[in-house]
PDB file of N, CA and C in Angstrom:
ATOM      1  N   MET A   1     -21.751-186.618 -42.172  1.00  0.00           N
ATOM      2  CA  MET A   1     -20.116-186.363 -42.373  1.00  0.00           C
ATOM      3  C   MET A   1     -19.075-186.453 -41.054  1.00  0.00           C
ATOM      4  N   ALA A   2     -18.512-187.182 -41.130  1.00  0.00           N
ATOM      5  CA  ALA A   2     -17.521-187.314 -39.672  1.00  0.00           C
ATOM      6  C   ALA A   2     -16.555-186.267 -39.638  1.00  0.00           C
ATOM      7  N   TRP A   3     -16.139-186.175 -38.241  1.00  0.00           N
ATOM      8  CA  TRP A   3     -15.005-184.963 -38.333  1.00  0.00           C
ATOM      9  C   TRP A   3     -13.796-185.338 -38.971  1.00  0.00           C
ATOM     10  N   HIS A   4     -13.418-186.270 -39.225  1.00  0.00           N
ATOM     11  CA  HIS A   4     -12.250-186.653 -39.777  1.00  0.00           C
ATOM     12  C   HIS A   4     -11.995-186.782 -41.093  1.00  0.00           C
ATOM     13  N   GLU A   5     -13.497-186.448 -41.825  1.00  0.00           N
ATOM     14  CA  GLU A   5     -13.172-186.572 -43.175  1.00  0.00           C
ATOM     15  C   GLU A   5     -12.567-185.752 -44.152  1.00  0.00           C
ATOM     16  N   PRO A   6     -12.622-184.564 -43.808  1.00  0.00           N
ATOM     17  CA  PRO A   6     -11.443-183.414 -44.688  1.00  0.00           C
ATOM     18  C   PRO A   6     -10.223-183.698 -44.125  1.00  0.00           C
ATOM     19  N   ILE A   7      -9.845-184.357 -43.203  1.00  0.00           N
ATOM     20  CA  ILE A   7      -8.793-184.553 -43.080  1.00  0.00           C
ATOM     21  C   ILE A   7      -8.039-185.937 -43.657  1.00  0.00           C
ATOM     22  N   ARG A   8      -9.162-187.004 -43.719  1.00  0.00           N
ATOM     23  CA  ARG A   8      -8.626-188.088 -44.634  1.00  0.00           C
ATOM     24  C   ARG A   8      -8.705-187.492 -46.150  1.00  0.00           C
ATOM     25  N   ASN A   9      -9.537-186.779 -46.583  1.00  0.00           N
ATOM     26  CA  ASN A   9      -9.424-186.191 -47.833  1.00  0.00           C
ATOM     27  C   ASN A   9      -8.186-185.405 -48.087  1.00  0.00           C
ATOM     28  N   TRP A  10      -7.616-184.667 -46.941  1.00  0.00           N
ATOM     29  CA  TRP A  10      -6.633-183.799 -47.332  1.00  0.00           C
ATOM     30  C   TRP A  10      -5.341-184.802 -47.609  1.00  0.00           C
ATOM     31  N   TYR A  11      -5.222-185.915 -46.823  1.00  0.00           N
ATOM     32  CA  TYR A  11      -3.975-186.662 -46.420  1.00  0.00           C
ATOM     33  C   TYR A  11      -4.114-187.610 -47.816  1.00  0.00           C
ATOM     34  N   ALA A  12      -5.266-187.708 -48.419  1.00  0.00           N
ATOM     35  CA  ALA A  12      -5.310-188.646 -49.993  1.00  0.00           C
ATOM     36  C   ALA A  12      -4.701-187.868 -50.681  1.00  0.00           C
ATOM     37  N   GLY A  13      -5.016-186.836 -50.749  1.00  0.00           N
ATOM     38  CA  GLY A  13      -4.793-185.896 -51.854  1.00  0.00           C
ATOM     39  C   GLY A  13      -2.885-185.232 -51.950  1.00  0.00           C
ATOM     40  N   LEU A  14      -2.275-186.045 -50.878  1.00  0.00           N
ATOM     41  CA  LEU A  14      -0.545-185.637 -50.667  1.00  0.00           C
ATOM     42  C   LEU A  14      -0.248-186.693 -51.743  1.00  0.00           C
ATOM     43  N   SER A  15       1.043-186.178 -52.198  1.00  0.00           N
ATOM     44  CA  SER A  15       1.866-187.059 -52.958  1.00  0.00           C
ATOM     45  C   SER A  15       2.176-188.334 -51.983  1.00  0.00           C
ATOM     46  N   PRO A  16       2.528-189.520 -52.567  1.00  0.00           N
ATOM     47  CA  PRO A  16       3.236-190.576 -51.903  1.00  0.00           C
ATOM     48  C   PRO A  16       4.753-190.212 -50.792  1.00  0.00           C
ATOM     49  N   ALA A  17       5.137-189.098 -51.633  1.00  0.00           N
ATOM     50  CA  ALA A  17       6.460-188.540 -50.219  1.00  0.00           C
ATOM     51  C   ALA A  17       6.220-187.956 -49.185  1.00  0.00           C
ATOM     52  N   TRP A  18       4.997-186.792 -49.649  1.00  0.00           N
ATOM     53  CA  TRP A  18       4.379-185.907 -48.497  1.00  0.00           C
ATOM     54  C   TRP A  18       4.094-187.027 -47.604  1.00  0.00           C
ATOM     55  N   ARG A  19       3.346-188.023 -48.177  1.00  0.00           N
ATOM     56  CA  ARG A  19       2.607-189.236 -47.037  1.00  0.00           C
ATOM     57  C   ARG A  19       3.358-189.616 -46.332  1.00  0.00           C
ATOM     58  N   ARG A  20       4.831-189.933 -46.539  1.00  0.00           N
ATOM     59  CA  ARG A  20       5.793-190.864 -46.183  1.00  0.00           C
ATOM     60  C   ARG A  20       6.720-189.563 -45.319  1.00  0.00           C
ATOM     61  N   GLU A  21       6.825-188.608 -45.429  1.00  0.00           N
ATOM     62  CA  GLU A  21       7.654-187.498 -44.464  1.00  0.00           C
ATOM     63  C   GLU A  21       6.631-187.138 -43.207  1.00  0.00           C
ATOM     64  N   LEU A  22       5.120-186.980 -43.673  1.00  0.00           N
ATOM     65  CA  LEU A  22       4.350-187.004 -42.591  1.00  0.00           C
ATOM     66  C   LEU A  22       4.337-188.224 -41.524  1.00  0.00           C
ATOM     67  N   ARG A  23       4.417-189.691 -42.014  1.00  0.00           N
ATOM     68  CA  ARG A  23       4.531-190.318 -40.990  1.00  0.00           C
ATOM     69  C   ARG A  23       5.900-190.838 -40.246  1.00  0.00           C
ATOM     70  N   ILE A  24       7.068-190.420 -40.724  1.00  0.00           N
ATOM     71  CA  ILE A  24       8.228-190.155 -40.545  1.00  0.00           C
ATOM     72  C   ILE A  24       8.392-188.791 -39.360  1.00  0.00           C
ATOM     73  N   ALA A  25       7.796-187.605 -39.541  1.00  0.00           N
ATOM     74  CA  ALA A  25       7.747-186.620 -38.849  1.00  0.00           C
ATOM     75  C   ALA A  25       6.874-187.128 -37.502  1.00  0.00           C
ATOM     76  N   GLY A  26       5.567-187.591 -37.875  1.00  0.00           N
ATOM     77  CA  GLY A  26       4.873-187.880 -36.759  1.00  0.00           C
ATOM     78  C   GLY A  26       5.530-189.085 -35.583  1.00  0.00           C
ATOM     79  N   LEU A  27       6.092-190.148 -36.399  1.00  0.00           N
ATOM     80  CA  LEU A  27       7.045-191.418 -35.488  1.00  0.00           C
ATOM     81  C   LEU A  27       8.364-190.476 -34.481  1.00  0.00           C
ATOM     82  N   TRP A  28       8.734-189.616 -35.045  1.00  0.00           N
ATOM     83  CA  TRP A  28       9.515-188.849 -34.233  1.00  0.00           C
ATOM     84  C   TRP A  28       9.215-187.807 -33.599  1.00  0.00           C
ATOM     85  N   PHE A  29       8.072-187.459 -33.838  1.00  0.00           N
ATOM     86  CA  PHE A  29       7.584-186.138 -32.639  1.00  0.00           C
ATOM     87  C   PHE A  29       6.799-187.007 -31.393  1.00  0.00           C
ATOM     88  N   ALA A  30       6.646-188.173 -31.741  1.00  0.00           N
ATOM     89  CA  ALA A  30       5.952-189.108 -30.713  1.00  0.00           C
ATOM     90  C   ALA A  30       6.917-189.706 -29.897  1.00  0.00           C
ATOM     91  N   PHE A  31       8.087-189.848 -30.234  1.00  0.00           N
ATOM     92  CA  PHE A  31       9.189-190.488 -29.860  1.00  0.00           C
ATOM     93  C   PHE A  31       9.442-189.114 -29.046  1.00  0.00           C
ATOM     94  N   GLY A  32       9.606-187.774 -29.657  1.00  0.00           N
ATOM     95  CA  GLY A  32      10.070-186.854 -28.476  1.00  0.00           C
ATOM     96  C   GLY A  32       9.236-186.485 -27.455  1.00  0.00           C
ATOM     97  N   LEU A  33       7.870-186.934 -27.600  1.00  0.00           N
ATOM     98  CA  LEU A  33       7.057-186.561 -27.082  1.00  0.00           C
ATOM     99  C   LEU A  33       7.135-187.128 -25.806  1.00  0.00           C
ATOM    100  N   PHE A  34       7.074-188.543 -26.028  1.00  0.00           N
ATOM    101  CA  PHE A  34       6.819-189.524 -24.885  1.00  0.00           C
ATOM    102  C   PHE A  34       7.878-190.527 -24.588  1.00  0.00           C
ATOM    103  N   LEU A  35       9.040-190.669 -25.121  1.00  0.00           N
ATOM    104  CA  LEU A  35      10.043-191.491 -24.635  1.00  0.00           C
ATOM    105  C   LEU A  35      11.553-190.481 -24.212  1.00  0.00           C
ATOM    106  N   MET A  36      11.681-189.380 -25.209  1.00  0.00           N
ATOM    107  CA  MET A  36      12.683-188.197 -24.420  1.00  0.00           C
ATOM    108  C   MET A  36      12.673-187.329 -22.973  1.00  0.00           C
ATOM    109  N   PRO A  37      11.851-187.261 -22.596  1.00  0.00           N
ATOM    110  CA  PRO A  37      11.599-186.732 -21.443  1.00  0.00           C
ATOM    111  C   PRO A  37      11.763-187.932 -20.508  1.00  0.00           C
ATOM    112  N   PHE A  38      11.698-189.181 -20.560  1.00  0.00           N
ATOM    113  CA  PHE A  38      12.210-189.988 -19.721  1.00  0.00           C
ATOM    114  C   PHE A  38      13.731-190.313 -19.799  1.00  0.00           C
ATOM    115  N   LEU A  39      14.112-190.212 -21.099  1.00  0.00           N
ATOM    116  CA  LEU A  39      15.635-190.659 -21.114  1.00  0.00           C
ATOM    117  C   LEU A  39      16.196-189.588 -20.629  1.00  0.00           C
ATOM    118  N   ILE A  40      15.735-188.238 -20.818  1.00  0.00           N
ATOM    119  CA  ILE A  40      16.242-187.103 -19.948  1.00  0.00           C
ATOM    120  C   ILE A  40      16.476-187.431 -18.685  1.00  0.00           C
ATOM    121  N   TYR A  41      15.007-187.477 -18.410  1.00  0.00           N
ATOM    122  CA  TYR A  41      14.978-187.659 -16.816  1.00  0.00           C
ATOM    123  C   TYR A  41      15.835-188.649 -15.763  1.00  0.00           C
ATOM    124  N   ALA A  42      16.139-189.794 -16.716  1.00  0.00           N
ATOM    125  CA  ALA A  42      17.102-190.993 -16.477  1.00  0.00           C
ATOM    126  C   ALA A  42      18.185-190.256 -16.130  1.00  0.00           C
ATOM    127  N   ALA A  43      18.817-189.553 -17.220  1.00  0.00           N
ATOM    128  CA  ALA A  43      20.268-188.876 -17.734  1.00  0.00           C
ATOM    129  C   ALA A  43      20.524-187.847 -16.233  1.00  0.00           C
ATOM    130  N   GLY A  44      19.497-186.974 -16.110  1.00  0.00           N
ATOM    131  CA  GLY A  44      19.723-186.226 -14.926  1.00  0.00           C
ATOM    132  C   GLY A  44      19.622-186.825 -13.607  1.00  0.00           C
ATOM    133  N   VAL A  45      18.730-187.661 -13.300  1.00  0.00           N
ATOM    134  CA  VAL A  45      19.188-188.129 -11.998  1.00  0.00           C
ATOM    135  C   VAL A  45      20.467-189.360 -12.058  1.00  0.00           C
ATOM    136  N   LEU A  46      20.955-189.452 -12.786  1.00  0.00           N
ATOM    137  CA  LEU A  46      22.371-190.644 -13.030  1.00  0.00           C
ATOM    138  C   LEU A  46      23.318-189.598 -12.712  1.00  0.00           C
ATOM    139  N   THR A  47      23.264-188.265 -13.456  1.00  0.00           N
ATOM    140  CA  THR A  47      24.713-187.359 -13.479  1.00  0.00           C
ATOM    141  C   THR A  47      24.352-186.265 -12.425  1.00  0.00           C
ATOM    142  N   LEU A  48      23.208-185.819 -12.305  1.00  0.00           N
ATOM    143  CA  LEU A  48      23.115-184.789 -11.370  1.00  0.00           C
ATOM    144  C   LEU A  48      22.596-185.281  -9.950  1.00  0.00           C
ATOM    145  N   GLY A  49      21.588-186.125 -10.010  1.00  0.00           N
ATOM    146  CA  GLY A  49      20.877-186.507  -8.494  1.00  0.00           C
ATOM    147  C   GLY A  49      19.540-186.544  -8.838  1.00  0.00           C
ATOM    148  N   PRO A  50      19.029-186.519  -7.696  1.00  0.00           N
ATOM    149  CA  PRO A  50      17.365-186.685  -7.832  1.00  0.00           C
ATOM    150  C   PRO A  50      16.687-185.460  -8.025  1.00  0.00           C
ATOM    151  N   TYR A  51      15.560-185.170  -9.023  1.00  0.00           N
ATOM    152  CA  TYR A  51      14.897-184.262  -9.504  1.00  0.00           C
ATOM    153  C   TYR A  51      14.015-184.031  -8.180  1.00  0.00           C
ATOM    154  N   GLU A  52      14.361-182.597  -7.940  1.00  0.00           N
ATOM    155  CA  GLU A  52      13.336-182.155  -6.874  1.00  0.00           C
ATOM    156  C   GLU A  52      11.747-182.325  -7.092  1.00  0.00           C
ATOM    157  N   GLY A  53      11.205-183.312  -6.650  1.00  0.00           N
ATOM    158  CA  GLY A  53       9.639-183.372  -6.714  1.00  0.00           C
ATOM    159  C   GLY A  53       9.496-184.711  -7.711  1.00  0.00           C
ATOM    160  N   GLY A  54      10.620-185.170  -8.317  1.00  0.00           N
ATOM    161  CA  GLY A  54      10.578-186.687  -8.531  1.00  0.00           C
ATOM    162  C   GLY A  54      10.055-186.248 -10.315  1.00  0.00           C
ATOM    163  N   LEU A  55       9.376-187.679 -10.748  1.00  0.00           N
ATOM    164  CA  LEU A  55       9.580-187.966 -12.197  1.00  0.00           C
ATOM    165  C   LEU A  55       8.232-187.170 -12.554  1.00  0.00           C
ATOM    166  N   LEU A  56       7.059-187.355 -11.630  1.00  0.00           N
ATOM    167  CA  LEU A  56       5.908-186.806 -12.167  1.00  0.00           C
ATOM    168  C   LEU A  56       6.123-185.263 -12.091  1.00  0.00           C
ATOM    169  N   ALA A  57       6.616-184.493 -11.202  1.00  0.00           N
ATOM    170  CA  ALA A  57       6.998-182.961 -11.380  1.00  0.00           C
ATOM    171  C   ALA A  57       7.789-182.672 -12.613  1.00  0.00           C
ATOM    172  N   PHE A  58       8.697-183.584 -12.807  1.00  0.00           N
ATOM    173  CA  PHE A  58       9.441-183.197 -14.135  1.00  0.00           C
ATOM    174  C   PHE A  58       8.403-183.173 -15.599  1.00  0.00           C
ATOM    175  N   LEU A  59       7.759-184.352 -15.824  1.00  0.00           N
ATOM    176  CA  LEU A  59       6.971-184.681 -16.401  1.00  0.00           C
ATOM    177  C   LEU A  59       6.027-183.356 -16.661  1.00  0.00           C
ATOM    178  N   GLY A  60       5.457-183.173 -15.433  1.00  0.00           N
ATOM    179  CA  GLY A  60       4.330-181.802 -15.359  1.00  0.00           C
ATOM    180  C   GLY A  60       4.880-180.437 -15.816  1.00  0.00           C
ATOM    181  N   SER A  61       6.247-180.197 -15.522  1.00  0.00           N
ATOM    182  CA  SER A  61       6.870-179.292 -15.996  1.00  0.00           C
ATOM    183  C   SER A  61       7.000-179.025 -17.161  1.00  0.00           C
ATOM    184  N   LEU A  62       7.273-179.795 -17.742  1.00  0.00           N
ATOM    185  CA  LEU A  62       7.719-180.196 -19.104  1.00  0.00           C
ATOM    186  C   LEU A  62       6.476-180.101 -19.839  1.00  0.00           C
ATOM    187  N   LEU A  63       5.387-180.368 -19.557  1.00  0.00           N
ATOM    188  CA  LEU A  63       4.105-180.605 -20.668  1.00  0.00           C
ATOM    189  C   LEU A  63       3.644-179.433 -20.364  1.00  0.00           C
ATOM    190  N   ALA A  64       3.792-178.546 -19.002  1.00  0.00           N
ATOM    191  CA  ALA A  64       2.978-177.359 -18.829  1.00  0.00           C
ATOM    192  C   ALA A  64       4.029-176.394 -19.785  1.00  0.00           C
ATOM    193  N   ALA A  65       5.415-176.651 -19.921  1.00  0.00           N
ATOM    194  CA  ALA A  65       5.953-175.563 -21.114  1.00  0.00           C
ATOM    195  C   ALA A  65       5.453-175.931 -22.230  1.00  0.00           C
ATOM    196  N   PHE A  66       5.524-177.369 -22.611  1.00  0.00           N
ATOM    197  CA  PHE A  66       5.010-177.585 -23.955  1.00  0.00           C
ATOM    198  C   PHE A  66       3.701-177.087 -24.501  1.00  0.00           C
ATOM    199  N   PHE A  67       2.569-176.938 -23.687  1.00  0.00           N
ATOM    200  CA  PHE A  67       1.432-176.282 -23.936  1.00  0.00           C
ATOM    201  C   PHE A  67       1.135-174.848 -23.746  1.00  0.00           C
ATOM    202  N   THR A  68       2.565-174.389 -23.492  1.00  0.00           N
ATOM    203  CA  THR A  68       2.057-173.120 -23.072  1.00  0.00           C
ATOM    204  C   THR A  68       2.887-172.237 -24.270  1.00  0.00           C
ATOM    205  N   LEU A  69       3.637-173.236 -25.021  1.00  0.00           N
ATOM    206  CA  LEU A  69       4.364-172.643 -26.652  1.00  0.00           C
ATOM    207  C   LEU A  69       5.792-172.361 -26.181  1.00  0.00           C
ATOM    208  N   LYS A  70       6.399-172.904 -25.027  1.00  0.00           N
ATOM    209  CA  LYS A  70       7.718-172.590 -24.576  1.00  0.00           C
ATOM    210  C   LYS A  70       8.832-172.979 -25.479  1.00  0.00           C
ATOM    211  N   LEU A  71       9.608-172.260 -26.251  1.00  0.00           N
ATOM    212  CA  LEU A  71      10.467-172.610 -27.126  1.00  0.00           C
ATOM    213  C   LEU A  71      11.424-174.297 -26.960  1.00  0.00           C
ATOM    214  N   THR A  72      11.797-173.949 -25.673  1.00  0.00           N
ATOM    215  CA  THR A  72      12.731-175.246 -25.220  1.00  0.00           C
ATOM    216  C   THR A  72      11.721-176.315 -25.302  1.00  0.00           C
ATOM    217  N   ALA A  73      10.716-176.404 -24.863  1.00  0.00           N
ATOM    218  CA  ALA A  73      10.039-177.566 -24.698  1.00  0.00           C
ATOM    219  C   ALA A  73       9.457-178.032 -26.039  1.00  0.00           C
ATOM    220  N   TRP A  74       9.560-177.017 -27.062  1.00  0.00           N
ATOM    221  CA  TRP A  74       9.188-177.653 -28.601  1.00  0.00           C
ATOM    222  C   TRP A  74      10.714-177.944 -29.084  1.00  0.00           C
ATOM    223  N   LEU A  75      11.392-177.175 -28.787  1.00  0.00           N
ATOM    224  CA  LEU A  75      12.798-178.013 -29.434  1.00  0.00           C
ATOM    225  C   LEU A  75      13.093-179.269 -28.748  1.00  0.00           C
ATOM    226  N   LEU A  76      12.647-179.465 -27.653  1.00  0.00           N
ATOM    227  CA  LEU A  76      12.867-180.784 -26.912  1.00  0.00           C
ATOM    228  C   LEU A  76      12.010-182.094 -27.716  1.00  0.00           C
ATOM    229  N   VAL A  77      10.752-181.605 -28.020  1.00  0.00           N
ATOM    230  CA  VAL A  77       9.907-182.722 -28.315  1.00  0.00           C
ATOM    231  C   VAL A  77      10.404-182.859 -30.029  1.00  0.00           C
ATOM    232  N   LEU A  78      10.590-181.719 -30.731  1.00  0.00           N
ATOM    233  CA  LEU A  78      10.879-181.582 -32.364  1.00  0.00           C
ATOM    234  C   LEU A  78      12.598-182.067 -32.456  1.00  0.00           C
ATOM    235  N   GLY A  79      13.371-182.290 -31.504  1.00  0.00           N
ATOM    236  CA  GLY A  79      14.973-182.432 -31.633  1.00  0.00           C
ATOM    237  C   GLY A  79      14.795-183.631 -32.552  1.00  0.00           C
ATOM    238  N   PRO A  80      14.762-184.945 -32.041  1.00  0.00           N
ATOM    239  CA  PRO A  80      14.778-186.118 -32.813  1.00  0.00           C
ATOM    240  C   PRO A  80      14.431-185.843 -34.154  1.00  0.00           C
ATOM    241  N   TYR A  81      13.165-185.137 -34.648  1.00  0.00           N
ATOM    242  CA  TYR A  81      12.859-185.182 -35.827  1.00  0.00           C
ATOM    243  C   TYR A  81      13.843-184.205 -36.669  1.00  0.00           C
ATOM    244  N   LEU A  82      14.120-183.286 -35.989  1.00  0.00           N
ATOM    245  CA  LEU A  82      15.285-182.151 -36.439  1.00  0.00           C
ATOM    246  C   LEU A  82      16.522-182.827 -36.576  1.00  0.00           C
ATOM    247  N   LEU A  83      16.969-183.534 -36.027  1.00  0.00           N
ATOM    248  CA  LEU A  83      18.351-184.173 -35.997  1.00  0.00           C
ATOM    249  C   LEU A  83      18.169-185.109 -37.214  1.00  0.00           C
ATOM    250  N   PHE A  84      17.225-185.779 -37.365  1.00  0.00           N
ATOM    251  CA  PHE A  84      16.981-187.042 -38.195  1.00  0.00           C
ATOM    252  C   PHE A  84      17.013-186.263 -39.742  1.00  0.00           C
ATOM    253  N   SER A  85      16.230-184.868 -39.713  1.00  0.00           N
ATOM    254  CA  SER A  85      16.456-184.434 -41.167  1.00  0.00           C
ATOM    255  C   SER A  85      17.557-183.999 -41.522  1.00  0.00           C
ATOM    256  N   ALA A  86      18.181-183.367 -40.330  1.00  0.00           N
ATOM    257  CA  ALA A  86      19.399-182.649 -40.721  1.00  0.00           C
ATOM    258  C   ALA A  86      20.496-183.628 -41.426  1.00  0.00           C
ATOM    259  N   VAL A  87      20.568-185.131 -40.678  1.00  0.00           N
ATOM    260  CA  VAL A  87      21.415-186.283 -40.831  1.00  0.00           C
ATOM    261  C   VAL A  87      21.064-186.742 -42.484  1.00  0.00           C
ATOM    262  N   ARG A  88      19.563-186.818 -42.836  1.00  0.00           N
ATOM    263  CA  ARG A  88      19.355-187.115 -44.132  1.00  0.00           C
ATOM    264  C   ARG A  88      19.618-186.242 -45.148  1.00  0.00           C
ATOM    265  N   PHE A  89      19.635-184.703 -44.759  1.00  0.00           N
ATOM    266  CA  PHE A  89      19.771-183.971 -45.714  1.00  0.00           C
ATOM    267  C   PHE A  89      21.518-183.782 -45.912  1.00  0.00           C
ATOM    268  N   LEU A  90      22.253-183.936 -44.743  1.00  0.00           N
ATOM    269  CA  LEU A  90      23.699-183.878 -45.039  1.00  0.00           C
ATOM    270  C   LEU A  90      24.087-185.248 -46.217  1.00  0.00           C
ATOM    271  N   THR A  91      23.545-186.212 -45.620  1.00  0.00           N
ATOM    272  CA  THR A  91      23.860-187.315 -46.050  1.00  0.00           C
ATOM    273  C   THR A  91      23.517-187.741 -47.581  1.00  0.00           C
ATOM    274  N   ARG A  92      22.638-186.910 -48.249  1.00  0.00           N
ATOM    275  CA  ARG A  92      22.184-186.783 -49.245  1.00  0.00           C
ATOM    276  C   ARG A  92      22.614-186.992 -50.459  1.00  0.00           C
ATOM    277  N   PRO A  93      24.056-186.363 -50.507  1.00  0.00           N
ATOM    278  CA  PRO A  93      24.815-186.440 -51.727  1.00  0.00           C
ATOM    279  C   PRO A  93      25.696-187.731 -51.849  1.00  0.00           C
ATOM    280  N   LEU A  94      25.768-188.590 -50.696  1.00  0.00           N
ATOM    281  CA  LEU A  94      26.354-189.670 -50.576  1.00  0.00           C
ATOM    282  C   LEU A  94      25.299-190.816 -50.916  1.00  0.00           C
ATOM    283  N   ARG A  95      24.424-190.576 -51.192  1.00  0.00           N
ATOM    284  CA  ARG A  95      23.116-191.803 -51.724  1.00  0.00           C
ATOM    285  C   ARG A  95      23.268-192.145 -52.954  1.00  0.00           C
ATOM    286  N   ARG A  96      23.038-193.222 -53.083  1.00  0.00           N
ATOM    287  CA  ARG A  96      23.016-193.662 -54.863  1.00  0.00           C
ATOM    288  C   ARG A  96      21.614-193.230 -55.251  1.00  0.00           C
ATOM    289  N   PRO A  97      21.505-192.792 -56.788  1.00  0.00           N
ATOM    290  CA  PRO A  97      20.458-192.844 -57.121  1.00  0.00           C
ATOM    291  C   PRO A  97      19.484-193.704 -57.225  1.00  0.00           C
ATOM    292  N   ALA A  98      18.243-193.677 -57.246  1.00  0.00           N
ATOM    293  CA  ALA A  98      17.569-194.835 -57.236  1.00  0.00           C
ATOM    294  C   ALA A  98      17.374-195.278 -58.802  1.00  0.00           C
TER     295      ALA A  98
END
């Protein structure tokens, strides 16, 4: 039995709505982890000037904070999904029923 079989079985047992939500969350999580740091770095360099140590130092400090479970780093990574969920929740009354 492969290591991923229990995960695959668990995922297959979910309802389609939960599987869709997990895919959406995964995409926003990847965006927050891989693209947001570059956007934040670029905005910081353009507005505040160069970061001491450069891009790699910024990424290193962010990833160190992320893996040491600092709340600020987790909010940065989960922020896009939380914002997307908030907008989706707040606009739910405006949508037409399916």
